[in-house]
């Protein structure tokens, strides 16, 4: 009987969903974790359960994985990513930071931007300008 594939949750800021940056980061994840399938919360954007559950849905996805890898956005850990990281640590799921193609294991909870600070950063870079 074969073992199901390992899964790694890719925690990253919403403005890079579907971007070239995201594609590059996924390549680094695959290179560093070739035995893992990537679970990308951005691929669930149209999922009715995610739309209804929001962050709670993402935290359940984290729990379904063997590891989590995250990236910073403008050198910051955004609100959702920070919640996902700390949830993984609390649940004894291995956590790694991807930075400049290198992987570093993270063992302690992280501090991160509040939701208001995250939204402020997104406005600052023009992410929400199309919604106004």
N, C-alpha and C. Protein backbone atom coordinates (compact mmCIF):
# COMPACT_ATOMS: atom_id res chain seq x y z
N UNK A 1 0.84 -1.18 0.00
CA UNK A 1 0.00 0.00 0.00
C UNK A 1 0.89 1.25 0.00
N UNK A 2 0.64 2.16 -0.91
CA UNK A 2 1.48 3.36 -1.00
C UNK A 2 0.99 4.44 -0.05
N UNK A 3 1.94 5.19 0.45
CA UNK A 3 1.66 6.28 1.37
C UNK A 3 1.17 7.49 0.57
N UNK A 4 0.15 8.21 1.08
CA UNK A 4 -0.31 9.40 0.35
C UNK A 4 0.81 10.44 0.29
N UNK A 5 0.80 11.27 -0.74
CA UNK A 5 1.88 12.28 -0.85
C UNK A 5 1.85 13.25 0.32
N UNK A 6 3.01 13.72 0.67
CA UNK A 6 3.09 14.75 1.71
C UNK A 6 2.59 16.06 1.12
N UNK A 7 2.08 16.92 2.02
CA UNK A 7 1.57 18.22 1.57
C UNK A 7 2.27 19.33 2.33
N UNK A 8 2.57 20.42 1.62
CA UNK A 8 3.17 21.59 2.24
C UNK A 8 2.30 22.81 1.91
N UNK A 9 1.91 23.52 2.94
CA UNK A 9 1.06 24.71 2.79
C UNK A 9 1.95 25.89 2.43
N UNK A 10 1.57 26.62 1.41
CA UNK A 10 2.33 27.78 0.94
C UNK A 10 1.63 29.06 1.40
N UNK A 11 2.12 29.63 2.51
CA UNK A 11 1.53 30.83 3.09
C UNK A 11 2.20 32.06 2.48
N UNK A 12 1.40 32.88 1.79
CA UNK A 12 1.94 34.07 1.12
C UNK A 12 0.85 35.13 1.01
N UNK A 13 1.29 36.36 0.84
CA UNK A 13 0.37 37.50 0.80
C UNK A 13 -0.51 37.48 -0.45
N UNK A 14 -1.75 37.88 -0.28
CA UNK A 14 -2.72 37.86 -1.37
C UNK A 14 -2.28 38.62 -2.63
N UNK A 15 -1.59 39.77 -2.52
CA UNK A 15 -1.23 40.48 -3.75
C UNK A 15 -0.32 39.71 -4.70
N UNK A 16 0.32 38.64 -4.23
CA UNK A 16 1.16 37.89 -5.17
C UNK A 16 0.46 36.66 -5.74
N UNK A 17 -0.79 36.42 -5.34
CA UNK A 17 -1.53 35.29 -5.92
C UNK A 17 -1.52 35.42 -7.45
N UNK A 18 -1.16 34.35 -8.13
CA UNK A 18 -1.20 34.32 -9.59
C UNK A 18 -0.11 35.11 -10.29
N UNK A 19 0.88 35.59 -9.55
CA UNK A 19 1.93 36.44 -10.14
C UNK A 19 3.17 35.63 -10.51
N UNK A 20 4.11 36.30 -11.19
CA UNK A 20 5.39 35.69 -11.51
C UNK A 20 6.18 35.39 -10.24
N UNK A 21 6.03 36.24 -9.23
CA UNK A 21 6.70 36.01 -7.94
C UNK A 21 6.20 34.69 -7.35
N UNK A 22 4.89 34.49 -7.38
CA UNK A 22 4.32 33.26 -6.86
C UNK A 22 4.87 32.05 -7.62
N UNK A 23 4.92 32.13 -8.94
CA UNK A 23 5.43 31.02 -9.75
C UNK A 23 6.88 30.71 -9.39
N UNK A 24 7.69 31.75 -9.21
CA UNK A 24 9.09 31.56 -8.84
C UNK A 24 9.21 30.92 -7.46
N UNK A 25 8.40 31.40 -6.52
CA UNK A 25 8.44 30.83 -5.16
C UNK A 25 8.01 29.37 -5.16
N UNK A 26 7.00 29.03 -5.95
CA UNK A 26 6.56 27.64 -6.04
C UNK A 26 7.67 26.75 -6.61
N UNK A 27 8.45 27.27 -7.55
CA UNK A 27 9.59 26.51 -8.08
C UNK A 27 10.60 26.23 -6.98
N UNK A 28 10.88 27.24 -6.14
CA UNK A 28 11.81 27.05 -5.02
C UNK A 28 11.27 26.02 -4.03
N UNK A 29 9.97 26.08 -3.77
CA UNK A 29 9.36 25.12 -2.83
C UNK A 29 9.49 23.70 -3.39
N UNK A 30 9.16 23.53 -4.66
CA UNK A 30 9.24 22.21 -5.29
C UNK A 30 10.68 21.69 -5.26
N UNK A 31 11.63 22.59 -5.51
CA UNK A 31 13.05 22.19 -5.51
C UNK A 31 13.48 21.74 -4.11
N UNK A 32 13.04 22.47 -3.08
CA UNK A 32 13.45 22.17 -1.71
C UNK A 32 12.63 21.06 -1.05
N UNK A 33 11.40 20.87 -1.52
CA UNK A 33 10.50 19.86 -0.96
C UNK A 33 9.91 19.00 -2.09
N UNK A 34 10.75 18.27 -2.81
CA UNK A 34 10.26 17.54 -3.99
C UNK A 34 9.24 16.45 -3.67
N UNK A 35 9.22 15.98 -2.43
CA UNK A 35 8.29 14.90 -2.06
C UNK A 35 6.94 15.44 -1.60
N UNK A 36 6.76 16.77 -1.61
CA UNK A 36 5.52 17.40 -1.13
C UNK A 36 4.70 17.97 -2.29
N UNK A 37 3.39 17.86 -2.17
CA UNK A 37 2.47 18.59 -3.04
C UNK A 37 2.21 19.94 -2.37
N UNK A 38 2.18 21.00 -3.16
CA UNK A 38 1.93 22.34 -2.61
C UNK A 38 0.44 22.57 -2.46
N UNK A 39 0.05 23.02 -1.27
CA UNK A 39 -1.33 23.45 -1.01
C UNK A 39 -1.29 24.98 -1.02
N UNK A 40 -1.89 25.57 -2.04
CA UNK A 40 -1.87 27.02 -2.24
C UNK A 40 -3.25 27.59 -1.92
N UNK A 41 -3.36 28.40 -0.85
CA UNK A 41 -4.68 28.95 -0.51
C UNK A 41 -5.27 29.81 -1.62
N UNK A 42 -4.42 30.38 -2.47
CA UNK A 42 -4.90 31.19 -3.58
C UNK A 42 -5.70 30.38 -4.59
N UNK A 43 -5.44 29.09 -4.65
CA UNK A 43 -6.17 28.25 -5.60
C UNK A 43 -7.57 27.91 -5.10
N UNK A 44 -7.89 28.34 -3.89
CA UNK A 44 -9.21 28.08 -3.31
C UNK A 44 -10.10 29.34 -3.31
N UNK A 45 -9.66 30.40 -3.99
CA UNK A 45 -10.38 31.68 -3.95
C UNK A 45 -11.84 31.57 -4.37
N UNK A 46 -12.14 30.69 -5.31
CA UNK A 46 -13.53 30.54 -5.77
C UNK A 46 -14.29 29.45 -5.03
N UNK A 47 -13.65 28.84 -4.05
CA UNK A 47 -14.27 27.77 -3.29
C UNK A 47 -15.32 28.37 -2.34
N UNK A 48 -16.59 27.91 -2.42
CA UNK A 48 -17.64 28.46 -1.56
C UNK A 48 -17.33 28.30 -0.07
N UNK A 49 -16.69 27.19 0.30
CA UNK A 49 -16.35 26.97 1.71
C UNK A 49 -15.32 28.00 2.20
N UNK A 50 -14.35 28.34 1.33
CA UNK A 50 -13.36 29.35 1.72
C UNK A 50 -14.03 30.72 1.81
N UNK A 51 -14.89 31.02 0.86
CA UNK A 51 -15.58 32.31 0.89
C UNK A 51 -16.39 32.46 2.17
N UNK A 52 -17.00 31.38 2.62
CA UNK A 52 -17.81 31.40 3.83
C UNK A 52 -16.93 31.39 5.09
N UNK A 53 -15.91 30.54 5.10
CA UNK A 53 -15.11 30.35 6.30
C UNK A 53 -13.92 31.28 6.45
N UNK A 54 -13.45 31.85 5.34
CA UNK A 54 -12.32 32.76 5.39
C UNK A 54 -11.08 32.16 6.03
N UNK A 55 -10.57 32.85 7.03
CA UNK A 55 -9.33 32.44 7.69
C UNK A 55 -9.48 31.08 8.37
N UNK A 56 -10.63 30.79 8.93
CA UNK A 56 -10.85 29.49 9.57
C UNK A 56 -10.66 28.36 8.57
N UNK A 57 -11.10 28.57 7.33
CA UNK A 57 -10.93 27.58 6.28
C UNK A 57 -9.44 27.37 6.00
N UNK A 58 -8.68 28.46 5.92
CA UNK A 58 -7.24 28.37 5.66
C UNK A 58 -6.52 27.64 6.80
N UNK A 59 -6.93 27.89 8.02
CA UNK A 59 -6.29 27.21 9.16
C UNK A 59 -6.56 25.71 9.12
N UNK A 60 -7.74 25.32 8.65
CA UNK A 60 -8.04 23.89 8.47
C UNK A 60 -7.15 23.29 7.38
N UNK A 61 -6.91 24.07 6.32
CA UNK A 61 -5.99 23.60 5.27
C UNK A 61 -4.59 23.40 5.85
N UNK A 62 -4.15 24.32 6.69
CA UNK A 62 -2.83 24.20 7.35
C UNK A 62 -2.77 22.88 8.11
N UNK A 63 -3.83 22.59 8.87
CA UNK A 63 -3.87 21.37 9.68
C UNK A 63 -3.79 20.10 8.83
N UNK A 64 -4.20 20.19 7.58
CA UNK A 64 -4.19 19.02 6.70
C UNK A 64 -2.81 18.76 6.08
N UNK A 65 -1.85 19.63 6.40
CA UNK A 65 -0.52 19.54 5.78
C UNK A 65 0.54 19.02 6.74
N UNK A 66 1.63 18.53 6.15
CA UNK A 66 2.77 18.02 6.92
C UNK A 66 3.76 19.13 7.27
N UNK A 67 3.71 20.23 6.51
CA UNK A 67 4.64 21.34 6.72
C UNK A 67 4.02 22.61 6.15
N UNK A 68 4.63 23.73 6.49
CA UNK A 68 4.20 25.04 5.97
C UNK A 68 5.45 25.80 5.58
N UNK A 69 5.40 26.45 4.44
CA UNK A 69 6.47 27.35 4.02
C UNK A 69 5.83 28.71 3.77
N UNK A 70 6.52 29.77 4.21
CA UNK A 70 5.94 31.11 4.05
C UNK A 70 6.96 32.08 3.47
N UNK A 71 6.43 33.17 2.94
CA UNK A 71 7.27 34.26 2.47
C UNK A 71 6.75 35.56 3.07
N UNK A 72 7.66 36.49 3.18
CA UNK A 72 7.31 37.84 3.65
C UNK A 72 6.89 38.68 2.45
N UNK A 73 6.19 39.77 2.74
CA UNK A 73 5.74 40.69 1.71
C UNK A 73 6.25 42.06 2.09
N UNK A 74 7.11 42.63 1.27
CA UNK A 74 7.78 43.89 1.61
C UNK A 74 8.45 43.78 2.98
N UNK A 75 9.11 42.66 3.22
CA UNK A 75 9.82 42.35 4.47
C UNK A 75 8.90 42.25 5.69
N UNK A 76 7.62 42.11 5.47
CA UNK A 76 6.66 41.99 6.57
C UNK A 76 5.94 40.65 6.49
N UNK A 77 5.51 40.17 7.65
CA UNK A 77 4.62 39.01 7.70
C UNK A 77 3.21 39.57 7.83
N UNK A 78 2.40 39.35 6.82
CA UNK A 78 1.05 39.90 6.81
C UNK A 78 0.17 39.13 7.80
N UNK A 79 -0.97 39.68 8.09
CA UNK A 79 -1.85 39.15 9.12
C UNK A 79 -2.22 37.68 8.91
N UNK A 80 -2.74 37.36 7.74
CA UNK A 80 -3.16 35.98 7.48
C UNK A 80 -2.00 35.00 7.51
N UNK A 81 -0.88 35.39 6.91
CA UNK A 81 0.30 34.53 6.91
C UNK A 81 0.79 34.29 8.33
N UNK A 82 0.81 35.34 9.15
CA UNK A 82 1.23 35.20 10.55
C UNK A 82 0.33 34.26 11.33
N UNK A 83 -0.97 34.38 11.11
CA UNK A 83 -1.91 33.47 11.78
C UNK A 83 -1.66 32.02 11.36
N UNK A 84 -1.40 31.83 10.07
CA UNK A 84 -1.15 30.47 9.56
C UNK A 84 0.13 29.89 10.15
N UNK A 85 1.19 30.69 10.20
CA UNK A 85 2.46 30.24 10.76
C UNK A 85 2.28 29.82 12.21
N UNK A 86 1.70 30.69 13.01
CA UNK A 86 1.56 30.40 14.43
C UNK A 86 0.61 29.24 14.69
N UNK A 87 -0.39 29.08 13.84
CA UNK A 87 -1.30 27.94 13.95
C UNK A 87 -0.54 26.64 13.68
N UNK A 88 0.31 26.66 12.66
CA UNK A 88 1.12 25.48 12.35
C UNK A 88 2.05 25.13 13.51
N UNK A 89 2.72 26.14 14.05
CA UNK A 89 3.64 25.89 15.18
C UNK A 89 2.88 25.32 16.36
N UNK A 90 1.72 25.90 16.66
CA UNK A 90 0.90 25.41 17.78
C UNK A 90 0.49 23.95 17.58
N UNK A 91 0.30 23.57 16.32
CA UNK A 91 -0.13 22.21 16.00
C UNK A 91 1.04 21.28 15.64
N UNK A 92 2.24 21.72 15.98
CA UNK A 92 3.46 20.92 15.77
C UNK A 92 3.68 20.52 14.31
N UNK A 93 3.34 21.44 13.41
CA UNK A 93 3.58 21.27 11.98
C UNK A 93 4.86 22.04 11.66
N UNK A 94 5.78 21.41 10.96
CA UNK A 94 7.06 22.05 10.62
C UNK A 94 6.83 23.32 9.81
N UNK A 95 7.56 24.40 10.15
CA UNK A 95 7.42 25.69 9.49
C UNK A 95 8.77 26.13 8.94
N UNK A 96 8.75 26.63 7.70
CA UNK A 96 9.95 27.09 7.04
C UNK A 96 9.70 28.44 6.40
N UNK A 97 10.73 29.29 6.40
CA UNK A 97 10.66 30.55 5.68
C UNK A 97 11.45 30.42 4.39
N UNK A 98 10.86 30.87 3.30
CA UNK A 98 11.54 30.94 2.01
C UNK A 98 11.94 32.39 1.79
N UNK A 99 13.24 32.61 1.67
CA UNK A 99 13.74 33.98 1.45
C UNK A 99 14.92 33.90 0.50
N UNK A 100 14.80 34.59 -0.62
CA UNK A 100 15.85 34.61 -1.65
C UNK A 100 16.28 33.20 -2.05
N UNK A 101 15.31 32.31 -2.20
CA UNK A 101 15.58 30.96 -2.64
C UNK A 101 16.10 30.02 -1.57
N UNK A 102 16.28 30.53 -0.36
CA UNK A 102 16.80 29.70 0.73
C UNK A 102 15.70 29.39 1.74
N UNK A 103 15.81 28.22 2.33
CA UNK A 103 14.82 27.75 3.30
C UNK A 103 15.44 27.76 4.69
N UNK A 104 14.71 28.34 5.65
CA UNK A 104 15.14 28.36 7.05
C UNK A 104 14.01 27.81 7.91
N UNK A 105 14.34 26.90 8.80
CA UNK A 105 13.31 26.34 9.70
C UNK A 105 13.00 27.37 10.80
N UNK A 106 11.73 27.54 11.10
CA UNK A 106 11.25 28.46 12.13
C UNK A 106 10.63 27.62 13.23
N UNK A 107 11.05 27.86 14.47
CA UNK A 107 10.55 27.03 15.57
C UNK A 107 9.67 27.79 16.55
N UNK A 108 9.79 29.12 16.56
CA UNK A 108 9.05 29.92 17.54
C UNK A 108 7.96 30.74 16.84
N UNK A 109 6.88 31.03 17.56
CA UNK A 109 5.83 31.89 16.98
C UNK A 109 6.42 33.22 16.50
N UNK A 110 5.79 33.78 15.49
CA UNK A 110 6.26 35.03 14.89
C UNK A 110 5.34 36.18 15.26
N UNK A 111 5.87 37.38 15.18
CA UNK A 111 5.02 38.57 15.28
C UNK A 111 4.69 38.99 13.85
N UNK A 112 3.52 39.56 13.67
CA UNK A 112 3.08 39.89 12.32
C UNK A 112 2.19 41.11 12.35
N UNK A 113 1.94 41.67 11.17
CA UNK A 113 1.09 42.85 11.04
C UNK A 113 -0.34 42.53 11.47
N UNK A 114 -1.01 43.52 12.04
CA UNK A 114 -2.43 43.36 12.32
C UNK A 114 -3.19 43.40 10.99
N UNK A 115 -4.46 43.07 11.03
CA UNK A 115 -5.27 43.14 9.81
C UNK A 115 -5.29 44.57 9.27
N UNK A 116 -5.46 45.56 10.16
CA UNK A 116 -5.47 46.96 9.71
C UNK A 116 -4.14 47.35 9.08
N UNK A 117 -3.03 46.91 9.67
CA UNK A 117 -1.71 47.22 9.11
C UNK A 117 -1.52 46.53 7.76
N UNK A 118 -2.01 45.32 7.65
CA UNK A 118 -1.91 44.59 6.39
C UNK A 118 -2.71 45.29 5.30
N UNK A 119 -3.95 45.67 5.61
CA UNK A 119 -4.78 46.39 4.65
C UNK A 119 -4.11 47.71 4.27
N UNK A 120 -3.52 48.40 5.24
CA UNK A 120 -2.81 49.65 4.97
C UNK A 120 -1.65 49.44 4.01
N UNK A 121 -0.90 48.36 4.21
CA UNK A 121 0.21 48.03 3.30
C UNK A 121 -0.32 47.75 1.90
N UNK A 122 -1.40 47.00 1.82
CA UNK A 122 -1.97 46.68 0.51
C UNK A 122 -2.44 47.94 -0.21
N UNK A 123 -3.06 48.88 0.51
CA UNK A 123 -3.46 50.15 -0.10
C UNK A 123 -2.23 50.92 -0.56
N UNK A 124 -1.21 50.94 0.26
CA UNK A 124 0.02 51.69 -0.04
C UNK A 124 0.64 51.24 -1.36
N UNK A 125 0.60 49.95 -1.64
CA UNK A 125 1.19 49.45 -2.88
C UNK A 125 0.20 49.43 -4.04
N UNK A 126 -1.05 49.84 -3.76
CA UNK A 126 -2.05 49.94 -4.83
C UNK A 126 -2.83 48.67 -5.09
N UNK A 127 -2.74 47.70 -4.17
CA UNK A 127 -3.44 46.44 -4.38
C UNK A 127 -4.95 46.61 -4.39
N UNK A 128 -5.46 47.46 -3.52
CA UNK A 128 -6.90 47.64 -3.42
C UNK A 128 -7.43 48.75 -4.32
N UNK A 129 -6.57 49.41 -5.08
CA UNK A 129 -7.01 50.55 -5.90
C UNK A 129 -8.08 50.17 -6.90
N UNK A 130 -8.07 48.93 -7.38
CA UNK A 130 -9.08 48.53 -8.37
C UNK A 130 -10.45 48.27 -7.73
N UNK A 131 -10.49 48.24 -6.39
CA UNK A 131 -11.76 47.98 -5.70
C UNK A 131 -12.46 49.26 -5.26
N UNK A 132 -11.80 50.39 -5.41
CA UNK A 132 -12.36 51.66 -4.93
C UNK A 132 -13.27 52.29 -5.96
